[in-house]
Structures are given as C-alpha cells and as structure tokens.
C-alpha cells in the first residue's frame, strides 16, 4: 500500500434503490402555443437506511420550466429520505411558440448522495415522452 492509496476514493457498495413514477397531465400540448403540462413525480426510498436525495429533470430545447422556456434543467434537493418513505410533487413544463410538433423525451433522475449534494452515490433514471401536436 502506497502513500497515495490513503487519499484515493474507496469503492463503496450502494444498496440504495428508488421507485420513481412520473406522469404527465394532460399527455400532450399544442404546437407553437404558450401552454403547459403538469409533471407529477413520486419518489420512494426502498432501502433500509436514510439517504440524502435529490431529483434532476432535463427537458429538450423548445420546452422549459418557466413560460419563456429558457432553462431546460431543474434540480430539487429533497433532503434526507427515511426508509420506506414516499415524496410527491408537481411541476409545470411549458411549451412556447417555438415548440415544434414531435415527441419530446423528459428525463428524470433520482440521485442519492453521501456527505453533501456534490458527491453522488447512485442514480435511478426514468424517461417519459411528451407529445406535441
């Protein structure tokens, strides 16, 4: 064992699993109009220990989290989630006059952290499709 092995990152075994549910209401929005859909997200901690949790949501260009659709990423810090707890929340995804017809993937990540939010331990991803007519 060398001197630098002391400071190296040690592999950890993560048993953190999440159940991630996401629904869009309504399922579609009209193209080239300023309209929105509600994204309902439900996250449950299925592990046996309390975990520092955050949610990251990515939408493609043409959609956004405010009426001008400037930001395509949103991160929400949920804090410590106790075992077997469920947290639910709702956000709005906006379309603009620049939003063209098509299927848009919305990616949702449930992230577990250790120490603080800058150190990621594990992630679970779910993608839902938003239809623009």
Foldseek 3Di string as FASTA:
>chain_A
DDPCVVVDDDDDDDPKDKDKDWDWVPQEAAALAWDKIKIKIKIAIADQAKWFKKKKKFWDPQKAQDRVRPDGMDMGGPGIDHHGDMDMDMGMMIGHNPGDFDKIKMKMKMWTAPPDPVGTDDIDIDIDIRGYD
